[in-house]
Amino acid sequence: MLEHLGWQEAADKITDSIEDTIASKVVTYDFARLMDGAEEVSTSAFADELIKNLK
């Protein structure tokens, strides 16, 4: 949606945060069951990690 609005920088930051958070293996159940060594967290904890990883 942000890309559609022309806010490419914001869209890129969110995408990067998602990629970084998943790479750190701090994920919700749906990802954790597919990843070795992942830390399963709640949806709200995952959102907190996304916010923490925004750069």
PDB file of N, CA and C in Angstrom:
ATOM      1  N   MET A   1       0.820  -1.178   0.000  1.00  0.00           N
ATOM      2  CA  MET A   1       0.000   0.000   0.000  1.00  0.00           C
ATOM      3  C   MET A   1       0.872   1.253   0.000  1.00  0.00           C
ATOM      4  N   LEU A   2       1.937   1.236   0.784  1.00  0.00           N
ATOM      5  CA  LEU A   2       2.812   2.406   0.822  1.00  0.00           C
ATOM      6  C   LEU A   2       3.457   2.654  -0.539  1.00  0.00           C
ATOM      7  N   GLU A   3       3.814   1.572  -1.225  1.00  0.00           N
ATOM      8  CA  GLU A   3       4.370   1.728  -2.573  1.00  0.00           C
ATOM      9  C   GLU A   3       3.349   2.378  -3.494  1.00  0.00           C
ATOM     10  N   HIS A   4       2.112   1.947  -3.386  1.00  0.00           N
ATOM     11  CA  HIS A   4       1.040   2.499  -4.211  1.00  0.00           C
ATOM     12  C   HIS A   4       0.869   3.997  -3.958  1.00  0.00           C
ATOM     13  N   LEU A   5       1.079   4.410  -2.711  1.00  0.00           N
ATOM     14  CA  LEU A   5       0.956   5.827  -2.360  1.00  0.00           C
ATOM     15  C   LEU A   5       2.199   6.632  -2.729  1.00  0.00           C
ATOM     16  N   GLY A   6       3.230   5.935  -3.225  1.00  0.00           N
ATOM     17  CA  GLY A   6       4.458   6.616  -3.605  1.00  0.00           C
ATOM     18  C   GLY A   6       5.429   6.810  -2.449  1.00  0.00           C
ATOM     19  N   TRP A   7       5.212   6.116  -1.349  1.00  0.00           N
ATOM     20  CA  TRP A   7       6.073   6.224  -0.170  1.00  0.00           C
ATOM     21  C   TRP A   7       7.081   5.073  -0.179  1.00  0.00           C
ATOM     22  N   GLN A   8       7.925   5.052  -1.184  1.00  0.00           N
ATOM     23  CA  GLN A   8       8.846   3.945  -1.400  1.00  0.00           C
ATOM     24  C   GLN A   8       9.821   3.757  -0.240  1.00  0.00           C
ATOM     25  N   GLU A   9      10.339   4.850   0.301  1.00  0.00           N
ATOM     26  CA  GLU A   9      11.302   4.741   1.397  1.00  0.00           C
ATOM     27  C   GLU A   9      10.681   4.040   2.610  1.00  0.00           C
ATOM     28  N   ALA A  10       9.471   4.421   2.963  1.00  0.00           N
ATOM     29  CA  ALA A  10       8.783   3.783   4.095  1.00  0.00           C
ATOM     30  C   ALA A  10       8.510   2.309   3.798  1.00  0.00           C
ATOM     31  N   ALA A  11       8.077   2.012   2.582  1.00  0.00           N
ATOM     32  CA  ALA A  11       7.812   0.627   2.191  1.00  0.00           C
ATOM     33  C   ALA A  11       9.081  -0.215   2.284  1.00  0.00           C
ATOM     34  N   ASP A  12      10.190   0.336   1.824  1.00  0.00           N
ATOM     35  CA  ASP A  12      11.465  -0.382   1.877  1.00  0.00           C
ATOM     36  C   ASP A  12      11.903  -0.641   3.312  1.00  0.00           C
ATOM     37  N   LYS A  13      11.702   0.332   4.192  1.00  0.00           N
ATOM     38  CA  LYS A  13      12.087   0.156   5.597  1.00  0.00           C
ATOM     39  C   LYS A  13      11.279  -0.958   6.250  1.00  0.00           C
ATOM     40  N   ILE A  14      10.005  -1.022   5.949  1.00  0.00           N
ATOM     41  CA  ILE A  14       9.163  -2.080   6.516  1.00  0.00           C
ATOM     42  C   ILE A  14       9.568  -3.440   5.959  1.00  0.00           C
ATOM     43  N   THR A  15       9.805  -3.510   4.665  1.00  0.00           N
ATOM     44  CA  THR A  15      10.250  -4.763   4.052  1.00  0.00           C
ATOM     45  C   THR A  15      11.569  -5.224   4.656  1.00  0.00           C
ATOM     46  N   ASP A  16      12.509  -4.303   4.824  1.00  0.00           N
ATOM     47  CA  ASP A  16      13.797  -4.645   5.434  1.00  0.00           C
ATOM     48  C   ASP A  16      13.615  -5.146   6.863  1.00  0.00           C
ATOM     49  N   SER A  17      12.727  -4.520   7.610  1.00  0.00           N
ATOM     50  CA  SER A  17      12.468  -4.934   8.988  1.00  0.00           C
ATOM     51  C   SER A  17      11.899  -6.349   9.035  1.00  0.00           C
ATOM     52  N   ILE A  18      10.982  -6.647   8.143  1.00  0.00           N
ATOM     53  CA  ILE A  18      10.405  -7.997   8.078  1.00  0.00           C
ATOM     54  C   ILE A  18      11.495  -9.016   7.765  1.00  0.00           C
ATOM     55  N   GLU A  19      12.321  -8.718   6.764  1.00  0.00           N
ATOM     56  CA  GLU A  19      13.399  -9.636   6.387  1.00  0.00           C
ATOM     57  C   GLU A  19      14.380  -9.840   7.536  1.00  0.00           C
ATOM     58  N   ASP A  20      14.765  -8.752   8.210  1.00  0.00           N
ATOM     59  CA  ASP A  20      15.713  -8.846   9.323  1.00  0.00           C
ATOM     60  C   ASP A  20      15.130  -9.640  10.485  1.00  0.00           C
ATOM     61  N   THR A  21      13.862  -9.427  10.770  1.00  0.00           N
ATOM     62  CA  THR A  21      13.225 -10.120  11.887  1.00  0.00           C
ATOM     63  C   THR A  21      13.120 -11.615  11.608  1.00  0.00           C
ATOM     64  N   ILE A  22      12.719 -11.980  10.421  1.00  0.00           N
ATOM     65  CA  ILE A  22      12.640 -13.401  10.071  1.00  0.00           C
ATOM     66  C   ILE A  22      14.030 -14.027  10.073  1.00  0.00           C
ATOM     67  N   ALA A  23      15.022 -13.312   9.561  1.00  0.00           N
ATOM     68  CA  ALA A  23      16.394 -13.826   9.546  1.00  0.00           C
ATOM     69  C   ALA A  23      16.929 -14.055  10.958  1.00  0.00           C
ATOM     70  N   SER A  24      16.457 -13.266  11.917  1.00  0.00           N
ATOM     71  CA  SER A  24      16.904 -13.434  13.308  1.00  0.00           C
ATOM     72  C   SER A  24      16.213 -14.613  13.990  1.00  0.00           C
ATOM     73  N   LYS A  25      15.273 -15.226  13.299  1.00  0.00           N
ATOM     74  CA  LYS A  25      14.544 -16.409  13.761  1.00  0.00           C
ATOM     75  C   LYS A  25      13.673 -16.140  14.983  1.00  0.00           C
ATOM     76  N   VAL A  26      13.213 -14.918  15.124  1.00  0.00           N
ATOM     77  CA  VAL A  26      12.219 -14.571  16.145  1.00  0.00           C
ATOM     78  C   VAL A  26      10.912 -14.422  15.382  1.00  0.00           C
ATOM     79  N   VAL A  27      10.101 -15.491  15.403  1.00  0.00           N
ATOM     80  CA  VAL A  27       8.955 -15.571  14.496  1.00  0.00           C
ATOM     81  C   VAL A  27       7.729 -16.180  15.180  1.00  0.00           C
ATOM     82  N   THR A  28       6.593 -16.025  14.538  1.00  0.00           N
ATOM     83  CA  THR A  28       5.358 -16.641  15.009  1.00  0.00           C
ATOM     84  C   THR A  28       5.346 -18.131  14.654  1.00  0.00           C
ATOM     85  N   TYR A  29       4.379 -18.837  15.217  1.00  0.00           N
ATOM     86  CA  TYR A  29       4.291 -20.291  15.056  1.00  0.00           C
ATOM     87  C   TYR A  29       4.373 -20.742  13.603  1.00  0.00           C
ATOM     88  N   ASP A  30       3.668 -20.049  12.707  1.00  0.00           N
ATOM     89  CA  ASP A  30       3.616 -20.498  11.316  1.00  0.00           C
ATOM     90  C   ASP A  30       4.993 -20.537  10.669  1.00  0.00           C
ATOM     91  N   PHE A  31       5.871 -19.614  11.038  1.00  0.00           N
ATOM     92  CA  PHE A  31       7.246 -19.652  10.536  1.00  0.00           C
ATOM     93  C   PHE A  31       8.105 -20.597  11.374  1.00  0.00           C
ATOM     94  N   ALA A  32       7.930 -20.562  12.685  1.00  0.00           N
ATOM     95  CA  ALA A  32       8.787 -21.342  13.587  1.00  0.00           C
ATOM     96  C   ALA A  32       8.731 -22.831  13.278  1.00  0.00           C
ATOM     97  N   ARG A  33       7.575 -23.328  12.898  1.00  0.00           N
ATOM     98  CA  ARG A  33       7.468 -24.765  12.622  1.00  0.00           C
ATOM     99  C   ARG A  33       8.232 -25.172  11.368  1.00  0.00           C
ATOM    100  N   LEU A  34       8.627 -24.188  10.552  1.00  0.00           N
ATOM    101  CA  LEU A  34       9.354 -24.463   9.315  1.00  0.00           C
ATOM    102  C   LEU A  34      10.847 -24.153   9.420  1.00  0.00           C
ATOM    103  N   MET A  35      11.285 -23.637  10.580  1.00  0.00           N
ATOM    104  CA  MET A  35      12.666 -23.170  10.730  1.00  0.00           C
ATOM    105  C   MET A  35      13.347 -23.891  11.890  1.00  0.00           C
ATOM    106  N   ASP A  36      14.554 -24.369  11.663  1.00  0.00           N
ATOM    107  CA  ASP A  36      15.341 -24.956  12.746  1.00  0.00           C
ATOM    108  C   ASP A  36      15.874 -23.846  13.637  1.00  0.00           C
ATOM    109  N   GLY A  37      15.766 -24.036  14.936  1.00  0.00           N
ATOM    110  CA  GLY A  37      16.337 -23.098  15.889  1.00  0.00           C
ATOM    111  C   GLY A  37      15.594 -21.788  16.045  1.00  0.00           C
ATOM    112  N   ALA A  38      14.360 -21.728  15.573  1.00  0.00           N
ATOM    113  CA  ALA A  38      13.585 -20.488  15.669  1.00  0.00           C
ATOM    114  C   ALA A  38      13.013 -20.316  17.068  1.00  0.00           C
ATOM    115  N   GLU A  39      12.878 -19.058  17.468  1.00  0.00           N
ATOM    116  CA  GLU A  39      12.212 -18.721  18.724  1.00  0.00           C
ATOM    117  C   GLU A  39      10.770 -18.356  18.401  1.00  0.00           C
ATOM    118  N   GLU A  40       9.836 -19.167  18.874  1.00  0.00           N
ATOM    119  CA  GLU A  40       8.415 -18.908  18.624  1.00  0.00           C
ATOM    120  C   GLU A  40       7.906 -17.850  19.593  1.00  0.00           C
ATOM    121  N   VAL A  41       7.297 -16.798  19.039  1.00  0.00           N
ATOM    122  CA  VAL A  41       6.755 -15.712  19.855  1.00  0.00           C
ATOM    123  C   VAL A  41       5.320 -15.427  19.429  1.00  0.00           C
ATOM    124  N   SER A  42       4.621 -14.679  20.265  1.00  0.00           N
ATOM    125  CA  SER A  42       3.248 -14.283  19.939  1.00  0.00           C
ATOM    126  C   SER A  42       3.253 -13.254  18.807  1.00  0.00           C
ATOM    127  N   THR A  43       2.090 -13.026  18.252  1.00  0.00           N
ATOM    128  CA  THR A  43       1.964 -12.027  17.189  1.00  0.00           C
ATOM    129  C   THR A  43       2.374 -10.651  17.682  1.00  0.00           C
ATOM    130  N   SER A  44       1.980 -10.299  18.894  1.00  0.00           N
ATOM    131  CA  SER A  44       2.343  -8.977  19.415  1.00  0.00           C
ATOM    132  C   SER A  44       3.844  -8.877  19.675  1.00  0.00           C
ATOM    133  N   ALA A  45       4.471  -9.957  20.124  1.00  0.00           N
ATOM    134  CA  ALA A  45       5.922  -9.946  20.319  1.00  0.00           C
ATOM    135  C   ALA A  45       6.641  -9.850  18.975  1.00  0.00           C
ATOM    136  N   PHE A  46       6.097 -10.500  17.958  1.00  0.00           N
ATOM    137  CA  PHE A  46       6.675 -10.393  16.616  1.00  0.00           C
ATOM    138  C   PHE A  46       6.576  -8.952  16.123  1.00  0.00           C
ATOM    139  N   ALA A  47       5.436  -8.323  16.354  1.00  0.00           N
ATOM    140  CA  ALA A  47       5.268  -6.918  15.967  1.00  0.00           C
ATOM    141  C   ALA A  47       6.261  -6.031  16.707  1.00  0.00           C
ATOM    142  N   ASP A  48       6.502  -6.318  17.978  1.00  0.00           N
ATOM    143  CA  ASP A  48       7.506  -5.563  18.742  1.00  0.00           C
ATOM    144  C   ASP A  48       8.889  -5.709  18.116  1.00  0.00           C
ATOM    145  N   GLU A  49       9.219  -6.920  17.674  1.00  0.00           N
ATOM    146  CA  GLU A  49      10.507  -7.152  17.005  1.00  0.00           C
ATOM    147  C   GLU A  49      10.591  -6.386  15.689  1.00  0.00           C
ATOM    148  N   LEU A  50       9.490  -6.372  14.936  1.00  0.00           N
ATOM    149  CA  LEU A  50       9.470  -5.610  13.686  1.00  0.00           C
ATOM    150  C   LEU A  50       9.762  -4.139  13.954  1.00  0.00           C
ATOM    151  N   ILE A  51       9.123  -3.596  14.966  1.00  0.00           N
ATOM    152  CA  ILE A  51       9.325  -2.186  15.313  1.00  0.00           C
ATOM    153  C   ILE A  51      10.771  -1.952  15.746  1.00  0.00           C
ATOM    154  N   LYS A  52      11.301  -2.859  16.550  1.00  0.00           N
ATOM    155  CA  LYS A  52      12.688  -2.738  17.009  1.00  0.00           C
ATOM    156  C   LYS A  52      13.666  -2.744  15.832  1.00  0.00           C
ATOM    157  N   ASN A  53      13.338  -3.506  14.786  1.00  0.00           N
ATOM    158  CA  ASN A  53      14.238  -3.638  13.637  1.00  0.00           C
ATOM    159  C   ASN A  53      14.038  -2.570  12.565  1.00  0.00           C
ATOM    160  N   LEU A  54      13.103  -1.674  12.753  1.00  0.00           N
ATOM    161  CA  LEU A  54      12.943  -0.577  11.792  1.00  0.00           C
ATOM    162  C   LEU A  54      14.165   0.323  11.871  1.00  0.00           C
ATOM    163  N   LYS A  55      14.749   0.620  10.735  1.00  0.00           N
ATOM    164  CA  LYS A  55      15.957   1.453  10.706  1.00  0.00           C
ATOM    165  C   LYS A  55      15.737   2.660   9.833  1.00  0.00           C
TER     166      LYS A  55
END
